[in-house]
Amino acid sequence: METVSLAGNSGRLPLGVHAVQIRQPRSAEDSEGAELNLTCSHGSIVTETIVWYRQLPSRGPQYIVSGYQGIVNSIDPEGALRIRQDRKSSTLSLRRARLADTAVYYCALSDTV
């Protein structure tokens, strides 16, 4: 069975967003088809939208999903963004991770005001 590898990072992001500290293992691996969760801690935020990107090998960052509260589904990769009620962390859950999901994942904040 193939292994899917994910990595968290807080490097360069598109203009208009700023990086936040990601508190998660530097990488995650599991069997293809398994659910994988990446958690990002953002401290106390008020007006910012939480945004997740991924960067596939040899490509630029690609928008995945964003939200302000609750649960927001993502299509590619298939999964959901879950934002805690206190907005101090969010989790990107990939429902059935595929080998094609191997990438560096970024969590960022974008001001909505």
PDB file of N, CA and C in Angstrom:
ATOM      1  N   MET A   1       0.842  -1.180   0.000  1.00  0.00           N
ATOM      2  CA  MET A   1       0.000   0.000   0.000  1.00  0.00           C
ATOM      3  C   MET A   1       0.882   1.237   0.000  1.00  0.00           C
ATOM      4  N   GLU A   2       0.513   2.261  -0.765  1.00  0.00           N
ATOM      5  CA  GLU A   2       1.282   3.490  -0.864  1.00  0.00           C
ATOM      6  C   GLU A   2       1.173   4.315   0.419  1.00  0.00           C
ATOM      7  N   THR A   3       2.192   5.119   0.699  1.00  0.00           N
ATOM      8  CA  THR A   3       2.207   5.995   1.858  1.00  0.00           C
ATOM      9  C   THR A   3       2.042   7.436   1.410  1.00  0.00           C
ATOM     10  N   VAL A   4       1.164   8.166   2.102  1.00  0.00           N
ATOM     11  CA  VAL A   4       0.934   9.580   1.828  1.00  0.00           C
ATOM     12  C   VAL A   4       1.716  10.371   2.865  1.00  0.00           C
ATOM     13  N   SER A   5       2.516  11.345   2.436  1.00  0.00           N
ATOM     14  CA  SER A   5       3.324  12.163   3.337  1.00  0.00           C
ATOM     15  C   SER A   5       2.849  13.605   3.284  1.00  0.00           C
ATOM     16  N   LEU A   6       2.618  14.188   4.448  1.00  0.00           N
ATOM     17  CA  LEU A   6       2.206  15.575   4.552  1.00  0.00           C
ATOM     18  C   LEU A   6       3.182  16.291   5.454  1.00  0.00           C
ATOM     19  N   ALA A   7       3.429  17.554   5.186  1.00  0.00           N
ATOM     20  CA  ALA A   7       4.315  18.346   6.031  1.00  0.00           C
ATOM     21  C   ALA A   7       3.658  19.686   6.310  1.00  0.00           C
ATOM     22  N   GLY A   8       3.879  20.205   7.502  1.00  0.00           N
ATOM     23  CA  GLY A   8       3.388  21.528   7.864  1.00  0.00           C
ATOM     24  C   GLY A   8       4.525  22.519   7.782  1.00  0.00           C
ATOM     25  N   ASN A   9       4.195  23.766   7.443  1.00  0.00           N
ATOM     26  CA  ASN A   9       5.233  24.762   7.311  1.00  0.00           C
ATOM     27  C   ASN A   9       4.608  26.133   7.476  1.00  0.00           C
ATOM     28  N   SER A  10       5.415  27.102   7.828  1.00  0.00           N
ATOM     29  CA  SER A  10       4.921  28.480   7.931  1.00  0.00           C
ATOM     30  C   SER A  10       5.823  29.405   7.120  1.00  0.00           C
ATOM     31  N   GLY A  11       6.213  28.972   5.942  1.00  0.00           N
ATOM     32  CA  GLY A  11       7.106  29.733   5.079  1.00  0.00           C
ATOM     33  C   GLY A  11       6.382  30.818   4.318  1.00  0.00           C
ATOM     34  N   ARG A  12       6.840  31.114   3.084  1.00  0.00           N
ATOM     35  CA  ARG A  12       6.263  32.189   2.287  1.00  0.00           C
ATOM     36  C   ARG A  12       4.855  31.824   1.819  1.00  0.00           C
ATOM     37  N   LEU A  13       3.977  32.816   1.879  1.00  0.00           N
ATOM     38  CA  LEU A  13       2.587  32.632   1.482  1.00  0.00           C
ATOM     39  C   LEU A  13       2.192  33.739   0.515  1.00  0.00           C
ATOM     40  N   PRO A  14       1.076  33.561  -0.199  1.00  0.00           N
ATOM     41  CA  PRO A  14       0.628  34.611  -1.117  1.00  0.00           C
ATOM     42  C   PRO A  14       0.419  35.945  -0.402  1.00  0.00           C
ATOM     43  N   LEU A  15       0.504  37.047  -1.140  1.00  0.00           N
ATOM     44  CA  LEU A  15       0.283  38.371  -0.563  1.00  0.00           C
ATOM     45  C   LEU A  15      -1.096  38.447   0.064  1.00  0.00           C
ATOM     46  N   GLY A  16      -1.210  39.238   1.135  1.00  0.00           N
ATOM     47  CA  GLY A  16      -2.502  39.442   1.771  1.00  0.00           C
ATOM     48  C   GLY A  16      -2.782  38.483   2.912  1.00  0.00           C
ATOM     49  N   VAL A  17      -1.904  37.547   3.159  1.00  0.00           N
ATOM     50  CA  VAL A  17      -2.074  36.647   4.292  1.00  0.00           C
ATOM     51  C   VAL A  17      -0.782  36.655   5.088  1.00  0.00           C
ATOM     52  N   HIS A  18      -0.881  36.343   6.387  1.00  0.00           N
ATOM     53  CA  HIS A  18       0.335  36.233   7.172  1.00  0.00           C
ATOM     54  C   HIS A  18       0.361  34.879   7.864  1.00  0.00           C
ATOM     55  N   ALA A  19       1.545  34.360   8.023  1.00  0.00           N
ATOM     56  CA  ALA A  19       1.716  33.025   8.589  1.00  0.00           C
ATOM     57  C   ALA A  19       1.447  33.040  10.084  1.00  0.00           C
ATOM     58  N   VAL A  20       1.006  31.930  10.594  1.00  0.00           N
ATOM     59  CA  VAL A  20       0.808  31.739  12.021  1.00  0.00           C
ATOM     60  C   VAL A  20       1.575  30.493  12.428  1.00  0.00           C
ATOM     61  N   GLN A  21       1.811  30.363  13.706  1.00  0.00           N
ATOM     62  CA  GLN A  21       2.551  29.199  14.147  1.00  0.00           C
ATOM     63  C   GLN A  21       1.691  27.948  14.010  1.00  0.00           C
ATOM     64  N   ILE A  22       2.251  26.936  13.378  1.00  0.00           N
ATOM     65  CA  ILE A  22       1.558  25.666  13.216  1.00  0.00           C
ATOM     66  C   ILE A  22       2.086  24.719  14.268  1.00  0.00           C
ATOM     67  N   ARG A  23       1.207  24.238  15.092  1.00  0.00           N
ATOM     68  CA  ARG A  23       1.598  23.272  16.117  1.00  0.00           C
ATOM     69  C   ARG A  23       1.088  21.913  15.690  1.00  0.00           C
ATOM     70  N   GLN A  24       1.977  21.195  15.049  1.00  0.00           N
ATOM     71  CA  GLN A  24       1.662  19.873  14.524  1.00  0.00           C
ATOM     72  C   GLN A  24       2.979  19.168  14.287  1.00  0.00           C
ATOM     73  N   PRO A  25       2.955  17.880  14.115  1.00  0.00           N
ATOM     74  CA  PRO A  25       4.203  17.205  13.760  1.00  0.00           C
ATOM     75  C   PRO A  25       4.750  17.792  12.460  1.00  0.00           C
ATOM     76  N   ARG A  26       6.061  17.834  12.307  1.00  0.00           N
ATOM     77  CA  ARG A  26       6.664  18.363  11.086  1.00  0.00           C
ATOM     78  C   ARG A  26       6.196  17.590   9.862  1.00  0.00           C
ATOM     79  N   SER A  27       5.782  16.341  10.062  1.00  0.00           N
ATOM     80  CA  SER A  27       5.264  15.557   8.946  1.00  0.00           C
ATOM     81  C   SER A  27       4.276  14.532   9.476  1.00  0.00           C
ATOM     82  N   ALA A  28       3.482  14.019   8.569  1.00  0.00           N
ATOM     83  CA  ALA A  28       2.519  12.972   8.899  1.00  0.00           C
ATOM     84  C   ALA A  28       2.507  11.974   7.764  1.00  0.00           C
ATOM     85  N   GLU A  29       2.432  10.728   8.101  1.00  0.00           N
ATOM     86  CA  GLU A  29       2.361   9.684   7.084  1.00  0.00           C
ATOM     87  C   GLU A  29       1.285   8.685   7.484  1.00  0.00           C
ATOM     88  N   ASP A  30       0.603   8.171   6.492  1.00  0.00           N
ATOM     89  CA  ASP A  30      -0.381   7.129   6.723  1.00  0.00           C
ATOM     90  C   ASP A  30      -0.623   6.416   5.406  1.00  0.00           C
ATOM     91  N   SER A  31      -1.378   5.353   5.484  1.00  0.00           N
ATOM     92  CA  SER A  31      -1.693   4.591   4.278  1.00  0.00           C
ATOM     93  C   SER A  31      -2.665   5.369   3.414  1.00  0.00           C
ATOM     94  N   GLU A  32      -2.542   5.173   2.122  1.00  0.00           N
ATOM     95  CA  GLU A  32      -3.460   5.805   1.192  1.00  0.00           C
ATOM     96  C   GLU A  32      -4.882   5.387   1.541  1.00  0.00           C
ATOM     97  N   GLY A  33      -5.798   6.351   1.550  1.00  0.00           N
ATOM     98  CA  GLY A  33      -7.186   6.081   1.884  1.00  0.00           C
ATOM     99  C   GLY A  33      -7.535   6.356   3.336  1.00  0.00           C
ATOM    100  N   ALA A  34      -6.527   6.579   4.183  1.00  0.00           N
ATOM    101  CA  ALA A  34      -6.773   6.863   5.599  1.00  0.00           C
ATOM    102  C   ALA A  34      -7.133   8.341   5.778  1.00  0.00           C
ATOM    103  N   GLU A  35      -7.805   8.661   6.884  1.00  0.00           N
ATOM    104  CA  GLU A  35      -8.088  10.057   7.217  1.00  0.00           C
ATOM    105  C   GLU A  35      -6.862  10.641   7.902  1.00  0.00           C
ATOM    106  N   LEU A  36      -6.452  11.836   7.478  1.00  0.00           N
ATOM    107  CA  LEU A  36      -5.328  12.537   8.079  1.00  0.00           C
ATOM    108  C   LEU A  36      -5.802  13.898   8.573  1.00  0.00           C
ATOM    109  N   ASN A  37      -5.302  14.301   9.742  1.00  0.00           N
ATOM    110  CA  ASN A  37      -5.675  15.581  10.330  1.00  0.00           C
ATOM    111  C   ASN A  37      -4.435  16.432  10.557  1.00  0.00           C
ATOM    112  N   LEU A  38      -4.488  17.691  10.107  1.00  0.00           N
ATOM    113  CA  LEU A  38      -3.430  18.664  10.341  1.00  0.00           C
ATOM    114  C   LEU A  38      -4.029  19.783  11.180  1.00  0.00           C
ATOM    115  N   THR A  39      -3.416  20.060  12.334  1.00  0.00           N
ATOM    116  CA  THR A  39      -3.945  21.073  13.241  1.00  0.00           C
ATOM    117  C   THR A  39      -3.040  22.291  13.265  1.00  0.00           C
ATOM    118  N   CYS A  40      -3.651  23.455  13.275  1.00  0.00           N
ATOM    119  CA  CYS A  40      -2.945  24.729  13.305  1.00  0.00           C
ATOM    120  C   CYS A  40      -3.444  25.524  14.506  1.00  0.00           C
ATOM    121  N   SER A  41      -2.514  26.006  15.341  1.00  0.00           N
ATOM    122  CA  SER A  41      -2.863  26.884  16.457  1.00  0.00           C
ATOM    123  C   SER A  41      -2.621  28.317  16.033  1.00  0.00           C
ATOM    124  N   HIS A  42      -3.613  29.188  16.268  1.00  0.00           N
ATOM    125  CA  HIS A  42      -3.465  30.572  15.847  1.00  0.00           C
ATOM    126  C   HIS A  42      -3.543  31.559  16.984  1.00  0.00           C
ATOM    127  N   GLY A  43      -3.589  31.112  18.221  1.00  0.00           N
ATOM    128  CA  GLY A  43      -3.740  32.046  19.326  1.00  0.00           C
ATOM    129  C   GLY A  43      -5.109  32.702  19.263  1.00  0.00           C
ATOM    130  N   SER A  44      -5.229  33.859  19.834  1.00  0.00           N
ATOM    131  CA  SER A  44      -6.508  34.559  19.869  1.00  0.00           C
ATOM    132  C   SER A  44      -6.645  35.440  18.626  1.00  0.00           C
ATOM    133  N   ILE A  45      -7.643  35.158  17.799  1.00  0.00           N
ATOM    134  CA  ILE A  45      -7.893  35.964  16.611  1.00  0.00           C
ATOM    135  C   ILE A  45      -9.326  36.474  16.644  1.00  0.00           C
ATOM    136  N   VAL A  46      -9.561  37.622  16.027  1.00  0.00           N
ATOM    137  CA  VAL A  46     -10.881  38.237  16.096  1.00  0.00           C
ATOM    138  C   VAL A  46     -11.525  38.325  14.718  1.00  0.00           C
ATOM    139  N   THR A  47     -10.883  39.026  13.788  1.00  0.00           N
ATOM    140  CA  THR A  47     -11.519  39.304  12.500  1.00  0.00           C
ATOM    141  C   THR A  47     -10.955  38.483  11.353  1.00  0.00           C
ATOM    142  N   GLU A  48      -9.884  37.760  11.572  1.00  0.00           N
ATOM    143  CA  GLU A  48      -9.221  37.074  10.473  1.00  0.00           C
ATOM    144  C   GLU A  48      -9.956  35.813  10.023  1.00  0.00           C
ATOM    145  N   THR A  49      -9.880  35.556   8.743  1.00  0.00           N
ATOM    146  CA  THR A  49     -10.348  34.313   8.161  1.00  0.00           C
ATOM    147  C   THR A  49      -9.181  33.329   8.191  1.00  0.00           C
ATOM    148  N   ILE A  50      -9.449  32.079   8.497  1.00  0.00           N
ATOM    149  CA  ILE A  50      -8.422  31.041   8.516  1.00  0.00           C
ATOM    150  C   ILE A  50      -8.363  30.420   7.128  1.00  0.00           C
ATOM    151  N   VAL A  51      -7.157  30.366   6.558  1.00  0.00           N
ATOM    152  CA  VAL A  51      -6.964  29.907   5.188  1.00  0.00           C
ATOM    153  C   VAL A  51      -5.948  28.768   5.190  1.00  0.00           C
ATOM    154  N   TRP A  52      -6.221  27.717   4.412  1.00  0.00           N
ATOM    155  CA  TRP A  52      -5.273  26.617   4.233  1.00  0.00           C
ATOM    156  C   TRP A  52      -4.863  26.541   2.774  1.00  0.00           C
ATOM    157  N   TYR A  53      -3.558  26.337   2.555  1.00  0.00           N
ATOM    158  CA  TYR A  53      -2.961  26.153   1.238  1.00  0.00           C
ATOM    159  C   TYR A  53      -2.157  24.864   1.247  1.00  0.00           C
ATOM    160  N   ARG A  54      -1.863  24.366   0.086  1.00  0.00           N
ATOM    161  CA  ARG A  54      -0.898  23.274  -0.024  1.00  0.00           C
ATOM    162  C   ARG A  54       0.043  23.599  -1.170  1.00  0.00           C
ATOM    163  N   GLN A  55       1.262  23.087  -1.047  1.00  0.00           N
ATOM    164  CA  GLN A  55       2.247  23.289  -2.099  1.00  0.00           C
ATOM    165  C   GLN A  55       2.749  21.927  -2.545  1.00  0.00           C
ATOM    166  N   LEU A  56       2.323  21.541  -3.734  1.00  0.00           N
ATOM    167  CA  LEU A  56       2.762  20.278  -4.324  1.00  0.00           C
ATOM    168  C   LEU A  56       4.204  20.424  -4.781  1.00  0.00           C
ATOM    169  N   PRO A  57       4.937  19.331  -4.904  1.00  0.00           N
ATOM    170  CA  PRO A  57       6.335  19.415  -5.337  1.00  0.00           C
ATOM    171  C   PRO A  57       6.495  20.212  -6.631  1.00  0.00           C
ATOM    172  N   SER A  58       7.446  21.126  -6.644  1.00  0.00           N
ATOM    173  CA  SER A  58       7.786  21.956  -7.812  1.00  0.00           C
ATOM    174  C   SER A  58       6.658  22.871  -8.272  1.00  0.00           C
ATOM    175  N   ARG A  59       5.736  23.240  -7.372  1.00  0.00           N
ATOM    176  CA  ARG A  59       4.617  24.122  -7.712  1.00  0.00           C
ATOM    177  C   ARG A  59       4.497  25.216  -6.667  1.00  0.00           C
ATOM    178  N   GLY A  60       3.745  26.243  -6.978  1.00  0.00           N
ATOM    179  CA  GLY A  60       3.468  27.309  -6.018  1.00  0.00           C
ATOM    180  C   GLY A  60       2.336  26.913  -5.086  1.00  0.00           C
ATOM    181  N   PRO A  61       2.114  27.696  -4.002  1.00  0.00           N
ATOM    182  CA  PRO A  61       1.010  27.393  -3.077  1.00  0.00           C
ATOM    183  C   PRO A  61      -0.339  27.416  -3.799  1.00  0.00           C
ATOM    184  N   GLN A  62      -1.213  26.493  -3.425  1.00  0.00           N
ATOM    185  CA  GLN A  62      -2.542  26.352  -4.019  1.00  0.00           C
ATOM    186  C   GLN A  62      -3.578  26.460  -2.896  1.00  0.00           C
ATOM    187  N   TYR A  63      -4.551  27.349  -3.071  1.00  0.00           N
ATOM    188  CA  TYR A  63      -5.629  27.524  -2.093  1.00  0.00           C
ATOM    189  C   TYR A  63      -6.419  26.224  -1.946  1.00  0.00           C
ATOM    190  N   ILE A  64      -6.734  25.852  -0.677  1.00  0.00           N
ATOM    191  CA  ILE A  64      -7.575  24.678  -0.437  1.00  0.00           C
ATOM    192  C   ILE A  64      -8.943  25.105   0.074  1.00  0.00           C
ATOM    193  N   VAL A  65      -8.962  25.813   1.208  1.00  0.00           N
ATOM    194  CA  VAL A  65     -10.233  26.143   1.847  1.00  0.00           C
ATOM    195  C   VAL A  65      -9.994  27.271   2.848  1.00  0.00           C
ATOM    196  N   SER A  66     -11.050  28.036   3.140  1.00  0.00           N
ATOM    197  CA  SER A  66     -10.961  29.069   4.168  1.00  0.00           C
ATOM    198  C   SER A  66     -12.296  29.154   4.891  1.00  0.00           C
ATOM    199  N   GLY A  67     -12.247  29.714   6.087  1.00  0.00           N
ATOM    200  CA  GLY A  67     -13.471  29.862   6.851  1.00  0.00           C
ATOM    201  C   GLY A  67     -13.271  30.754   8.055  1.00  0.00           C
ATOM    202  N   TYR A  68     -14.381  31.151   8.642  1.00  0.00           N
ATOM    203  CA  TYR A  68     -14.359  32.004   9.824  1.00  0.00           C
ATOM    204  C   TYR A  68     -14.751  31.234  11.075  1.00  0.00           C
ATOM    205  N   GLN A  69     -15.694  30.303  10.935  1.00  0.00           N
ATOM    206  CA  GLN A  69     -16.123  29.496  12.079  1.00  0.00           C
ATOM    207  C   GLN A  69     -16.788  28.222  11.596  1.00  0.00           C
ATOM    208  N   GLY A  70     -16.909  27.250  12.498  1.00  0.00           N
ATOM    209  CA  GLY A  70     -17.614  26.015  12.187  1.00  0.00           C
ATOM    210  C   GLY A  70     -16.849  25.076  11.281  1.00  0.00           C
ATOM    211  N   ILE A  71     -17.599  24.398  10.408  1.00  0.00           N
ATOM    212  CA  ILE A  71     -17.023  23.407   9.500  1.00  0.00           C
ATOM    213  C   ILE A  71     -17.258  23.856   8.061  1.00  0.00           C
ATOM    214  N   VAL A  72     -16.185  23.839   7.265  1.00  0.00           N
ATOM    215  CA  VAL A  72     -16.259  24.202   5.851  1.00  0.00           C
ATOM    216  C   VAL A  72     -15.675  23.038   5.054  1.00  0.00           C
ATOM    217  N   ASN A  73     -16.439  22.489   4.124  1.00  0.00           N
ATOM    218  CA  ASN A  73     -15.953  21.367   3.325  1.00  0.00           C
ATOM    219  C   ASN A  73     -14.987  21.835   2.253  1.00  0.00           C
ATOM    220  N   SER A  74     -14.021  20.966   1.937  1.00  0.00           N
ATOM    221  CA  SER A  74     -13.110  21.229   0.821  1.00  0.00           C
ATOM    222  C   SER A  74     -13.309  20.128  -0.209  1.00  0.00           C
ATOM    223  N   ILE A  75     -13.144  20.496  -1.471  1.00  0.00           N
ATOM    224  CA  ILE A  75     -13.363  19.550  -2.562  1.00  0.00           C
ATOM    225  C   ILE A  75     -12.072  18.858  -2.974  1.00  0.00           C
ATOM    226  N   ASP A  76     -10.999  19.623  -3.123  1.00  0.00           N
ATOM    227  CA  ASP A  76      -9.721  19.043  -3.559  1.00  0.00           C
ATOM    228  C   ASP A  76      -8.590  19.652  -2.746  1.00  0.00           C
ATOM    229  N   PRO A  77      -8.102  18.911  -1.781  1.00  0.00           N
ATOM    230  CA  PRO A  77      -8.408  17.521  -1.473  1.00  0.00           C
ATOM    231  C   PRO A  77      -9.734  17.403  -0.724  1.00  0.00           C
ATOM    232  N   GLU A  78     -10.368  16.232  -0.857  1.00  0.00           N
ATOM    233  CA  GLU A  78     -11.646  15.999  -0.195  1.00  0.00           C
ATOM    234  C   GLU A  78     -11.442  15.988   1.309  1.00  0.00           C
ATOM    235  N   GLY A  79     -12.195  16.826   2.000  1.00  0.00           N
ATOM    236  CA  GLY A  79     -12.062  16.890   3.450  1.00  0.00           C
ATOM    237  C   GLY A  79     -12.856  18.040   4.010  1.00  0.00           C
ATOM    238  N   ALA A  80     -12.405  18.541   5.164  1.00  0.00           N
ATOM    239  CA  ALA A  80     -13.115  19.627   5.822  1.00  0.00           C
ATOM    240  C   ALA A  80     -12.168  20.422   6.701  1.00  0.00           C
ATOM    241  N   LEU A  81     -12.463  21.713   6.812  1.00  0.00           N
ATOM    242  CA  LEU A  81     -11.795  22.602   7.740  1.00  0.00           C
ATOM    243  C   LEU A  81     -12.706  22.727   8.953  1.00  0.00           C
ATOM    244  N   ARG A  82     -12.182  22.397  10.123  1.00  0.00           N
ATOM    245  CA  ARG A  82     -12.945  22.508  11.370  1.00  0.00           C
ATOM    246  C   ARG A  82     -12.296  23.578  12.231  1.00  0.00           C
ATOM    247  N   ILE A  83     -13.070  24.612  12.551  1.00  0.00           N
ATOM    248  CA  ILE A  83     -12.563  25.729  13.339  1.00  0.00           C
ATOM    249  C   ILE A  83     -13.206  25.673  14.720  1.00  0.00           C
ATOM    250  N   ARG A  84     -12.356  25.607  15.741  1.00  0.00           N
ATOM    251  CA  ARG A  84     -12.875  25.559  17.111  1.00  0.00           C
ATOM    252  C   ARG A  84     -13.691  26.798  17.410  1.00  0.00           C
ATOM    253  N   GLN A  85     -14.669  26.656  18.312  1.00  0.00           N
ATOM    254  CA  GLN A  85     -15.545  27.771  18.652  1.00  0.00           C
ATOM    255  C   GLN A  85     -14.763  28.957  19.218  1.00  0.00           C
ATOM    256  N   ASP A  86     -13.689  28.699  19.976  1.00  0.00           N
ATOM    257  CA  ASP A  86     -12.892  29.802  20.530  1.00  0.00           C
ATOM    258  C   ASP A  86     -11.914  30.382  19.500  1.00  0.00           C
ATOM    259  N   ARG A  87     -11.862  29.795  18.299  1.00  0.00           N
ATOM    260  CA  ARG A  87     -11.052  30.249  17.167  1.00  0.00           C
ATOM    261  C   ARG A  87      -9.559  30.262  17.471  1.00  0.00           C
ATOM    262  N   LYS A  88      -9.111  29.431  18.406  1.00  0.00           N
ATOM    263  CA  LYS A  88      -7.687  29.365  18.726  1.00  0.00           C
ATOM    264  C   LYS A  88      -6.961  28.297  17.929  1.00  0.00           C
ATOM    265  N   SER A  89      -7.702  27.452  17.233  1.00  0.00           N
ATOM    266  CA  SER A  89      -7.072  26.446  16.376  1.00  0.00           C
ATOM    267  C   SER A  89      -8.055  25.987  15.318  1.00  0.00           C
ATOM    268  N   SER A  90      -7.485  25.380  14.288  1.00  0.00           N
ATOM    269  CA  SER A  90      -8.307  24.774  13.238  1.00  0.00           C
ATOM    270  C   SER A  90      -7.646  23.472  12.823  1.00  0.00           C
ATOM    271  N   THR A  91      -8.454  22.584  12.267  1.00  0.00           N
ATOM    272  CA  THR A  91      -7.949  21.301  11.798  1.00  0.00           C
ATOM    273  C   THR A  91      -8.402  21.091  10.364  1.00  0.00           C
ATOM    274  N   LEU A  92      -7.441  20.792   9.503  1.00  0.00           N
ATOM    275  CA  LEU A  92      -7.747  20.399   8.134  1.00  0.00           C
ATOM    276  C   LEU A  92      -7.757  18.879   8.122  1.00  0.00           C
ATOM    277  N   SER A  93      -8.910  18.297   7.849  1.00  0.00           N
ATOM    278  CA  SER A  93      -9.052  16.843   7.803  1.00  0.00           C
ATOM    279  C   SER A  93      -9.174  16.395   6.359  1.00  0.00           C
ATOM    280  N   LEU A  94      -8.291  15.514   5.954  1.00  0.00           N
ATOM    281  CA  LEU A  94      -8.372  14.914   4.621  1.00  0.00           C
ATOM    282  C   LEU A  94      -9.071  13.576   4.791  1.00  0.00           C
ATOM    283  N   ARG A  95     -10.250  13.429   4.197  1.00  0.00           N
ATOM    284  CA  ARG A  95     -11.073  12.236   4.426  1.00  0.00           C
ATOM    285  C   ARG A  95     -10.410  10.952   3.964  1.00  0.00           C
ATOM    286  N   ARG A  96      -9.930  10.952   2.757  1.00  0.00           N
ATOM    287  CA  ARG A  96      -9.264   9.766   2.191  1.00  0.00           C
ATOM    288  C   ARG A  96      -8.003  10.241   1.487  1.00  0.00           C
ATOM    289  N   ALA A  97      -6.935  10.362   2.257  1.00  0.00           N
ATOM    290  CA  ALA A  97      -5.694  10.877   1.695  1.00  0.00           C
ATOM    291  C   ALA A  97      -5.212   9.995   0.548  1.00  0.00           C
ATOM    292  N   ARG A  98      -4.744  10.656  -0.506  1.00  0.00           N
ATOM    293  CA  ARG A  98      -4.225   9.955  -1.681  1.00  0.00           C
ATOM    294  C   ARG A  98      -2.747  10.279  -1.841  1.00  0.00           C
ATOM    295  N   LEU A  99      -2.070   9.479  -2.593  1.00  0.00           N
ATOM    296  CA  LEU A  99      -0.669   9.743  -2.880  1.00  0.00           C
ATOM    297  C   LEU A  99      -0.523  11.130  -3.515  1.00  0.00           C
ATOM    298  N   ALA A 100      -1.489  11.537  -4.317  1.00  0.00           N
ATOM    299  CA  ALA A 100      -1.460  12.850  -4.970  1.00  0.00           C
ATOM    300  C   ALA A 100      -1.580  14.002  -3.966  1.00  0.00           C
ATOM    301  N   ASP A 101      -1.951  13.723  -2.712  1.00  0.00           N
ATOM    302  CA  ASP A 101      -2.059  14.757  -1.678  1.00  0.00           C
ATOM    303  C   ASP A 101      -0.730  15.042  -0.993  1.00  0.00           C
ATOM    304  N   THR A 102       0.317  14.319  -1.357  1.00  0.00           N
ATOM    305  CA  THR A 102       1.636  14.540  -0.770  1.00  0.00           C
ATOM    306  C   THR A 102       2.085  15.956  -1.094  1.00  0.00           C
ATOM    307  N   ALA A 103       2.284  16.782  -0.052  1.00  0.00           N
ATOM    308  CA  ALA A 103       2.592  18.196  -0.244  1.00  0.00           C
ATOM    309  C   ALA A 103       2.992  18.816   1.085  1.00  0.00           C
ATOM    310  N   VAL A 104       3.387  20.089   1.024  1.00  0.00           N
ATOM    311  CA  VAL A 104       3.565  20.905   2.224  1.00  0.00           C
ATOM    312  C   VAL A 104       2.266  21.683   2.397  1.00  0.00           C
ATOM    313  N   TYR A 105       1.722  21.657   3.605  1.00  0.00           N
ATOM    314  CA  TYR A 105       0.458  22.333   3.899  1.00  0.00           C
ATOM    315  C   TYR A 105       0.720  23.554   4.756  1.00  0.00           C
ATOM    316  N   TYR A 106       0.044  24.672   4.417  1.00  0.00           N
ATOM    317  CA  TYR A 106       0.211  25.944   5.116  1.00  0.00           C
ATOM    318  C   TYR A 106      -1.110  26.399   5.729  1.00  0.00           C
ATOM    319  N   CYS A 107      -1.039  26.883   6.931  1.00  0.00           N
ATOM    320  CA  CYS A 107      -2.165  27.525   7.585  1.00  0.00           C
ATOM    321  C   CYS A 107      -1.828  29.015   7.657  1.00  0.00           C
ATOM    322  N   ALA A 108      -2.793  29.871   7.353  1.00  0.00           N
ATOM    323  CA  ALA A 108      -2.546  31.317   7.372  1.00  0.00           C
ATOM    324  C   ALA A 108      -3.804  32.037   7.809  1.00  0.00           C
ATOM    325  N   LEU A 109      -3.645  33.323   8.116  1.00  0.00           N
ATOM    326  CA  LEU A 109      -4.764  34.180   8.457  1.00  0.00           C
ATOM    327  C   LEU A 109      -4.867  35.283   7.435  1.00  0.00           C
ATOM    328  N   SER A 110      -6.088  35.647   7.095  1.00  0.00           N
ATOM    329  CA  SER A 110      -6.334  36.742   6.176  1.00  0.00           C
ATOM    330  C   SER A 110      -7.355  37.671   6.834  1.00  0.00           C
ATOM    331  N   ASP A 111      -7.026  38.927   6.985  1.00  0.00           N
ATOM    332  CA  ASP A 111      -7.923  39.867   7.655  1.00  0.00           C
ATOM    333  C   ASP A 111      -9.173  40.092   6.817  1.00  0.00           C
ATOM    334  N   THR A 112     -10.341  40.003   7.459  1.00  0.00           N
ATOM    335  CA  THR A 112     -11.613  40.146   6.745  1.00  0.00           C
ATOM    336  C   THR A 112     -12.174  41.554   6.833  1.00  0.00           C
ATOM    337  N   VAL A 113     -11.501  42.448   7.570  1.00  0.00           N
ATOM    338  CA  VAL A 113     -12.016  43.807   7.749  1.00  0.00           C
ATOM    339  C   VAL A 113     -11.526  44.713   6.653  1.00  0.00           C
TER     340      VAL A 113
END
